[in-house]
C-alpha atoms as a PDB file:
ATOM      1  CA  UNK A   1     -15.907  15.376  -7.799  1.00  0.00           C
ATOM      2  CA  UNK A   2     -13.644  14.285  -5.034  1.00  0.00           C
ATOM      3  CA  UNK A   3     -11.081  11.407  -5.333  1.00  0.00           C
ATOM      4  CA  UNK A   4      -9.512   9.613  -2.509  1.00  0.00           C
ATOM      5  CA  UNK A   5      -5.666  10.824  -1.607  1.00  0.00           C
ATOM      6  CA  UNK A   6      -2.664   8.677  -1.508  1.00  0.00           C
ATOM      7  CA  UNK A   7      -2.431   9.371   2.014  1.00  0.00           C
ATOM      8  CA  UNK A   8      -5.928   7.368   2.672  1.00  0.00           C
ATOM      9  CA  UNK A   9      -4.511   4.237   0.791  1.00  0.00           C
ATOM     10  CA  UNK A  10      -0.950   4.069   1.400  1.00  0.00           C
ATOM     11  CA  UNK A  11       0.901   1.310   3.524  1.00  0.00           C
ATOM     12  CA  UNK A  12       2.341   3.190   6.771  1.00  0.00           C
ATOM     13  CA  UNK A  13       4.275   0.198   8.153  1.00  0.00           C
ATOM     14  CA  UNK A  14       7.277   0.487   5.411  1.00  0.00           C
ATOM     15  CA  UNK A  15      10.031  -1.937   5.050  1.00  0.00           C
ATOM     16  CA  UNK A  16      13.040   0.155   4.247  1.00  0.00           C
ATOM     17  CA  UNK A  17      16.937  -0.095   3.963  1.00  0.00           C
ATOM     18  CA  UNK A  18      19.538   2.381   4.671  1.00  0.00           C
ATOM     19  CA  UNK A  19      22.223   3.219   1.964  1.00  0.00           C
ATOM     20  CA  UNK A  20      24.862   0.892   3.825  1.00  0.00           C
ATOM     21  CA  UNK A  21      22.480  -2.265   4.174  1.00  0.00           C
ATOM     22  CA  UNK A  22      24.398  -5.261   2.549  1.00  0.00           C
ATOM     23  CA  UNK A  23      23.172  -7.122  -0.359  1.00  0.00           C
ATOM     24  CA  UNK A  24      22.232 -10.050   1.179  1.00  0.00           C
ATOM     25  CA  UNK A  25      20.332  -8.430   3.967  1.00  0.00           C
ATOM     26  CA  UNK A  26      18.345  -6.474   1.160  1.00  0.00           C
ATOM     27  CA  UNK A  27      17.363  -9.767  -0.325  1.00  0.00           C
ATOM     28  CA  UNK A  28      16.227 -11.208   3.173  1.00  0.00           C
ATOM     29  CA  UNK A  29      14.019  -8.120   3.722  1.00  0.00           C
ATOM     30  CA  UNK A  30      12.372  -8.736   0.551  1.00  0.00           C
ATOM     31  CA  UNK A  31      11.787 -12.544   1.064  1.00  0.00           C
ATOM     32  CA  UNK A  32      10.981 -12.366   4.678  1.00  0.00           C
ATOM     33  CA  UNK A  33       8.259  -9.579   3.916  1.00  0.00           C
ATOM     34  CA  UNK A  34       7.283 -11.113   0.736  1.00  0.00           C
ATOM     35  CA  UNK A  35       7.431  -7.552  -1.098  1.00  0.00           C
ATOM     36  CA  UNK A  36       9.264  -6.841  -4.383  1.00  0.00           C
ATOM     37  CA  UNK A  37      10.901  -3.774  -3.449  1.00  0.00           C
ATOM     38  CA  UNK A  38      11.710  -1.159  -0.638  1.00  0.00           C
ATOM     39  CA  UNK A  39      12.869   2.496  -0.251  1.00  0.00           C
ATOM     40  CA  UNK A  40      16.547   3.370   0.500  1.00  0.00           C
ATOM     41  CA  UNK A  41      16.743   6.132   3.126  1.00  0.00           C
ATOM     42  CA  UNK A  42      19.555   8.399   4.236  1.00  0.00           C
ATOM     43  CA  UNK A  43      20.304   9.304   7.679  1.00  0.00           C
ATOM     44  CA  UNK A  44      17.367  12.074   7.899  1.00  0.00           C
ATOM     45  CA  UNK A  45      14.679   9.448   6.543  1.00  0.00           C
ATOM     46  CA  UNK A  46      14.890  11.044   3.075  1.00  0.00           C
ATOM     47  CA  UNK A  47      14.541   8.768   0.031  1.00  0.00           C
ATOM     48  CA  UNK A  48      17.647   8.171  -1.749  1.00  0.00           C
ATOM     49  CA  UNK A  49      16.195   5.758  -3.928  1.00  0.00           C
ATOM     50  CA  UNK A  50      14.498   2.462  -4.423  1.00  0.00           C
ATOM     51  CA  UNK A  51      15.855  -1.355  -4.719  1.00  0.00           C
ATOM     52  CA  UNK A  52      13.514  -3.674  -6.202  1.00  0.00           C
ATOM     53  CA  UNK A  53      14.026  -7.563  -7.139  1.00  0.00           C
ATOM     54  CA  UNK A  54      14.847  -6.408 -10.811  1.00  0.00           C
ATOM     55  CA  UNK A  55      17.744  -4.300  -9.215  1.00  0.00           C
ATOM     56  CA  UNK A  56      19.110  -7.543  -7.557  1.00  0.00           C
ATOM     57  CA  UNK A  57      18.978  -9.691 -10.561  1.00  0.00           C
ATOM     58  CA  UNK A  58      20.414  -7.053 -12.762  1.00  0.00           C
ATOM     59  CA  UNK A  59      23.418  -6.535 -10.111  1.00  0.00           C
ATOM     60  CA  UNK A  60      23.868 -10.302 -10.229  1.00  0.00           C
ATOM     61  CA  UNK A  61      23.834 -10.534 -13.884  1.00  0.00           C
ATOM     62  CA  UNK A  62      26.455  -7.565 -14.310  1.00  0.00           C
ATOM     63  CA  UNK A  63      28.814  -9.251 -11.557  1.00  0.00           C
ATOM     64  CA  UNK A  64      32.330  -9.009 -13.006  1.00  0.00           C
ATOM     65  CA  UNK A  65      34.199 -12.310 -13.416  1.00  0.00           C
ATOM     66  CA  UNK A  66      37.576 -10.545 -13.065  1.00  0.00           C
ATOM     67  CA  UNK A  67      38.049 -10.099  -9.224  1.00  0.00           C
ATOM     68  CA  UNK A  68      36.406  -6.752  -9.042  1.00  0.00           C
ATOM     69  CA  UNK A  69      33.571  -6.017  -6.394  1.00  0.00           C
ATOM     70  CA  UNK A  70      30.026  -5.826  -7.583  1.00  0.00           C
ATOM     71  CA  UNK A  71      27.087  -4.162  -6.154  1.00  0.00           C
ATOM     72  CA  UNK A  72      27.309  -4.889  -2.126  1.00  0.00           C
ATOM     73  CA  UNK A  73      25.114  -2.244  -0.506  1.00  0.00           C
ATOM     74  CA  UNK A  74      21.666  -0.854  -0.940  1.00  0.00           C
ATOM     75  CA  UNK A  75      23.374   2.423  -2.387  1.00  0.00           C
ATOM     76  CA  UNK A  76      25.037   0.238  -4.854  1.00  0.00           C
ATOM     77  CA  UNK A  77      21.735  -1.506  -5.873  1.00  0.00           C
ATOM     78  CA  UNK A  78      19.016   1.111  -5.868  1.00  0.00           C
ATOM     79  CA  UNK A  79      17.481   3.104  -8.589  1.00  0.00           C
ATOM     80  CA  UNK A  80      17.893   6.601  -7.932  1.00  0.00           C
ATOM     81  CA  UNK A  81      16.533   9.373  -7.817  1.00  0.00           C
ATOM     82  CA  UNK A  82      13.352   7.835  -6.359  1.00  0.00           C
ATOM     83  CA  UNK A  83      10.093   8.695  -7.820  1.00  0.00           C
ATOM     84  CA  UNK A  84       8.002  10.000  -4.983  1.00  0.00           C
ATOM     85  CA  UNK A  85       4.280  11.372  -4.163  1.00  0.00           C
ATOM     86  CA  UNK A  86       3.056  13.476  -1.580  1.00  0.00           C
ATOM     87  CA  UNK A  87       0.157  12.293   0.535  1.00  0.00           C
ATOM     88  CA  UNK A  88      -2.446  14.864  -0.541  1.00  0.00           C
ATOM     89  CA  UNK A  89      -2.101  13.718  -4.312  1.00  0.00           C
ATOM     90  CA  UNK A  90      -5.126  11.985  -5.603  1.00  0.00           C
ATOM     91  CA  UNK A  91      -4.990   8.463  -6.573  1.00  0.00           C
ATOM     92  CA  UNK A  92      -5.634   8.610 -10.107  1.00  0.00           C
ATOM     93  CA  UNK A  93      -2.675  11.175 -10.514  1.00  0.00           C
ATOM     94  CA  UNK A  94      -0.521   8.660  -8.613  1.00  0.00           C
ATOM     95  CA  UNK A  95      -1.582   5.701 -10.620  1.00  0.00           C
ATOM     96  CA  UNK A  96      -0.924   7.761 -13.833  1.00  0.00           C
ATOM     97  CA  UNK A  97       2.475   8.402 -12.669  1.00  0.00           C
ATOM     98  CA  UNK A  98       3.159   4.931 -11.647  1.00  0.00           C
ATOM     99  CA  UNK A  99       2.265   3.792 -15.066  1.00  0.00           C
ATOM    100  CA  UNK A 100       4.204   6.742 -16.940  1.00  0.00           C
ATOM    101  CA  UNK A 101       7.430   5.855 -15.189  1.00  0.00           C
ATOM    102  CA  UNK A 102       7.104   2.136 -15.242  1.00  0.00           C
ATOM    103  CA  UNK A 103       7.452   1.722 -11.369  1.00  0.00           C
ATOM    104  CA  UNK A 104       5.542  -0.862  -8.987  1.00  0.00           C
ATOM    105  CA  UNK A 105       5.683   1.522  -5.852  1.00  0.00           C
ATOM    106  CA  UNK A 106       5.840   5.056  -5.064  1.00  0.00           C
ATOM    107  CA  UNK A 107       7.479   6.327  -1.644  1.00  0.00           C
ATOM    108  CA  UNK A 108       5.131   8.663   0.048  1.00  0.00           C
ATOM    109  CA  UNK A 109       6.861  11.754   1.416  1.00  0.00           C
ATOM    110  CA  UNK A 110       6.162  14.765   3.698  1.00  0.00           C
ATOM    111  CA  UNK A 111       6.791  18.260   3.190  1.00  0.00           C
ATOM    112  CA  UNK A 112      10.395  17.836   3.917  1.00  0.00           C
ATOM    113  CA  UNK A 113      10.985  14.798   1.755  1.00  0.00           C
ATOM    114  CA  UNK A 114      10.811  12.372   4.554  1.00  0.00           C
ATOM    115  CA  UNK A 115       9.179   9.095   4.193  1.00  0.00           C
ATOM    116  CA  UNK A 116       5.991   8.535   5.595  1.00  0.00           C
ATOM    117  CA  UNK A 117       4.409   5.513   3.706  1.00  0.00           C
ATOM    118  CA  UNK A 118       4.597   3.681   0.614  1.00  0.00           C
ATOM    119  CA  UNK A 119       1.834   3.554  -2.416  1.00  0.00           C
ATOM    120  CA  UNK A 120       2.043   0.214  -4.267  1.00  0.00           C
ATOM    121  CA  UNK A 121      -0.217  -0.757  -7.174  1.00  0.00           C
ATOM    122  CA  UNK A 122      -2.197  -3.100  -4.840  1.00  0.00           C
ATOM    123  CA  UNK A 123      -2.730  -0.081  -2.452  1.00  0.00           C
ATOM    124  CA  UNK A 124      -3.991   2.306  -5.591  1.00  0.00           C
ATOM    125  CA  UNK A 125      -6.181  -0.773  -6.653  1.00  0.00           C
ATOM    126  CA  UNK A 126      -8.096  -0.803  -3.686  1.00  0.00           C
ATOM    127  CA  UNK A 127     -10.413   1.653  -5.001  1.00  0.00           C
ATOM    128  CA  UNK A 128     -11.863  -1.042  -7.306  1.00  0.00           C
ATOM    129  CA  UNK A 129     -13.074  -2.986  -4.277  1.00  0.00           C
ATOM    130  CA  UNK A 130     -16.013  -0.442  -3.636  1.00  0.00           C
ATOM    131  CA  UNK A 131     -19.421  -2.233  -3.995  1.00  0.00           C
ATOM    132  CA  UNK A 132     -21.716  -1.597  -7.071  1.00  0.00           C
ATOM    133  CA  UNK A 133     -24.483  -0.446  -4.625  1.00  0.00           C
ATOM    134  CA  UNK A 134     -22.136   2.148  -3.262  1.00  0.00           C
ATOM    135  CA  UNK A 135     -21.194   3.269  -6.864  1.00  0.00           C
ATOM    136  CA  UNK A 136     -24.704   3.268  -7.946  1.00  0.00           C
ATOM    137  CA  UNK A 137     -25.585   5.712  -4.844  1.00  0.00           C
ATOM    138  CA  UNK A 138     -22.627   7.913  -6.048  1.00  0.00           C
ATOM    139  CA  UNK A 139     -23.670   8.184  -9.807  1.00  0.00           C
ATOM    140  CA  UNK A 140     -27.039   9.030  -8.701  1.00  0.00           C
ATOM    141  CA  UNK A 141     -25.832  11.921  -6.562  1.00  0.00           C
ATOM    142  CA  UNK A 142     -23.093  13.156  -8.678  1.00  0.00           C
ATOM    143  CA  UNK A 143     -23.669  12.260 -12.055  1.00  0.00           C
ATOM    144  CA  UNK A 144     -27.416  12.642 -12.661  1.00  0.00           C
ATOM    145  CA  UNK A 145     -27.819  15.102  -9.642  1.00  0.00           C
ATOM    146  CA  UNK A 146     -24.966  17.377  -9.808  1.00  0.00           C
ATOM    147  CA  UNK A 147     -23.642  17.111 -13.439  1.00  0.00           C
ATOM    148  CA  UNK A 148     -26.839  17.034 -15.258  1.00  0.00           C
ATOM    149  CA  UNK A 149     -28.829  18.522 -12.627  1.00  0.00           C
ATOM    150  CA  UNK A 150     -31.754  16.260 -12.890  1.00  0.00           C
ATOM    151  CA  UNK A 151     -33.937  14.558 -10.636  1.00  0.00           C
ATOM    152  CA  UNK A 152     -32.815  10.936  -9.539  1.00  0.00           C
ATOM    153  CA  UNK A 153     -35.315   9.034 -11.183  1.00  0.00           C
ATOM    154  CA  UNK A 154     -34.710  10.756 -14.668  1.00  0.00           C
ATOM    155  CA  UNK A 155     -31.882   8.617 -15.264  1.00  0.00           C
ATOM    156  CA  UNK A 156     -31.852   4.991 -14.360  1.00  0.00           C
ATOM    157  CA  UNK A 157     -28.583   3.801 -12.912  1.00  0.00           C
ATOM    158  CA  UNK A 158     -27.351   0.102 -12.731  1.00  0.00           C
ATOM    159  CA  UNK A 159     -23.912  -1.017 -11.705  1.00  0.00           C
ATOM    160  CA  UNK A 160     -22.799  -4.526 -12.058  1.00  0.00           C
ATOM    161  CA  UNK A 161     -19.165  -5.569 -11.264  1.00  0.00           C
ATOM    162  CA  UNK A 162     -18.307  -2.045 -11.331  1.00  0.00           C
ATOM    163  CA  UNK A 163     -20.092  -1.327 -14.962  1.00  0.00           C
ATOM    164  CA  UNK A 164     -22.242   1.404 -14.814  1.00  0.00           C
ATOM    165  CA  UNK A 165     -25.198   1.730 -17.227  1.00  0.00           C
ATOM    166  CA  UNK A 166     -26.762   4.896 -17.745  1.00  0.00           C
ATOM    167  CA  UNK A 167     -30.481   4.543 -19.138  1.00  0.00           C
ATOM    168  CA  UNK A 168     -33.058   7.356 -19.890  1.00  0.00           C
ATOM    169  CA  UNK A 169     -33.708  10.568 -21.264  1.00  0.00           C
ATOM    170  CA  UNK A 170     -31.742  13.934 -20.836  1.00  0.00           C
ATOM    171  CA  UNK A 171     -32.697  17.305 -22.184  1.00  0.00           C
ATOM    172  CA  UNK A 172     -29.877  18.067 -24.672  1.00  0.00           C
ATOM    173  CA  UNK A 173     -27.603  15.850 -26.745  1.00  0.00           C
ATOM    174  CA  UNK A 174     -24.509  17.537 -25.357  1.00  0.00           C
ATOM    175  CA  UNK A 175     -25.414  16.163 -21.767  1.00  0.00           C
ATOM    176  CA  UNK A 176     -24.845  12.367 -23.001  1.00  0.00           C
ATOM    177  CA  UNK A 177     -21.213  12.653 -23.335  1.00  0.00           C
ATOM    178  CA  UNK A 178     -20.803  15.024 -20.195  1.00  0.00           C
ATOM    179  CA  UNK A 179     -22.508  12.147 -18.254  1.00  0.00           C
ATOM    180  CA  UNK A 180     -20.745   9.389 -19.567  1.00  0.00           C
ATOM    181  CA  UNK A 181     -17.083  11.145 -18.737  1.00  0.00           C
ATOM    182  CA  UNK A 182     -18.383  12.118 -15.179  1.00  0.00           C
ATOM    183  CA  UNK A 183     -19.179   8.524 -14.526  1.00  0.00           C
ATOM    184  CA  UNK A 184     -15.840   7.431 -15.896  1.00  0.00           C
ATOM    185  CA  UNK A 185     -14.086   9.674 -13.547  1.00  0.00           C
ATOM    186  CA  UNK A 186     -15.523   8.305 -10.340  1.00  0.00           C
ATOM    187  CA  UNK A 187     -12.981   5.772  -8.492  1.00  0.00           C
ATOM    188  CA  UNK A 188     -13.775   2.426  -8.726  1.00  0.00           C
ATOM    189  CA  UNK A 189     -16.003   2.452 -12.030  1.00  0.00           C
ATOM    190  CA  UNK A 190     -14.597  -0.318 -14.641  1.00  0.00           C
ATOM    191  CA  UNK A 191     -16.737   0.769 -17.505  1.00  0.00           C
ATOM    192  CA  UNK A 192     -19.618   2.831 -18.747  1.00  0.00           C
ATOM    193  CA  UNK A 193     -22.380   1.498 -20.922  1.00  0.00           C
ATOM    194  CA  UNK A 194     -24.273   4.362 -22.414  1.00  0.00           C
ATOM    195  CA  UNK A 195     -28.148   4.014 -23.298  1.00  0.00           C
ATOM    196  CA  UNK A 196     -29.117   7.463 -22.893  1.00  0.00           C
ATOM    197  CA  UNK A 197     -31.435   9.394 -25.223  1.00  0.00           C
ATOM    198  CA  UNK A 198     -32.093  13.065 -25.483  1.00  0.00           C
ATOM    199  CA  UNK A 199     -34.841  15.381 -26.291  1.00  0.00           C
ATOM    200  CA  UNK A 200     -33.166  18.193 -28.163  1.00  0.00           C
ATOM    201  CA  UNK A 201     -30.076  17.997 -30.371  1.00  0.00           C
ATOM    202  CA  UNK A 202     -27.918  20.946 -29.455  1.00  0.00           C
ATOM    203  CA  UNK A 203     -25.076  19.747 -31.281  1.00  0.00           C
ATOM    204  CA  UNK A 204     -26.486  19.848 -34.740  1.00  0.00           C
ATOM    205  CA  UNK A 205     -25.337  22.627 -37.114  1.00  0.00           C
ATOM    206  CA  UNK A 206     -27.724  25.787 -37.251  1.00  0.00           C
ATOM    207  CA  UNK A 207     -29.632  25.714 -40.243  1.00  0.00           C
ATOM    208  CA  UNK A 208     -28.231  28.101 -42.871  1.00  0.00           C
ATOM    209  CA  UNK A 209     -30.299  31.313 -43.445  1.00  0.00           C
ATOM    210  CA  UNK A 210     -31.963  32.408 -47.118  1.00  0.00           C
ATOM    211  CA  UNK A 211     -29.061  33.143 -49.506  1.00  0.00           C
ATOM    212  CA  UNK A 212     -28.414  36.875 -50.285  1.00  0.00           C
ATOM    213  CA  UNK A 213     -29.924  38.413 -53.504  1.00  0.00           C
ATOM    214  CA  UNK A 214     -28.064  38.742 -56.529  1.00  0.00           C
END
């Protein structure tokens, strides 16, 4: 099954900073563009790190009261190295990376690690804006038709607010979890309700043969 790629959902117009961008300018950029973070680039447009509002607050909290200079540029403020993705990576993979690393945004880089876009949580969540009708059609085609190899009317598919209900009778018991997993993997699916029955229980243990003679 195909998934949308990061390149299809990323924001291409990226607000960025350079390593020498002053602290106050970083704050102005975040406030003016109403964003919570931005990438920091070197002179070749390669991503050095990311500055977030959390980094700014931390820098202020750690300011010295003994006359020593604190973080004054983007290079001082940024979290580095940056966690990046490539445009051909799938949206689910990017979402898992974002969750695993606890970040809110992923700079998107090309083969030479130059910035070409940014993927935020909001960008990745766009897949859940798909209509119920669109999801129902895809479940019928891919889950019922391709995964189960059944005619479209063999399984009733209904979708409401992203929740897919599968209702009908399949040939084998092992096809039931297979169909549920296939539906879950579709982008935009929020949940799956399983109401499937089966004709043959191919998961039951085989009956033991007659015991041998003594």
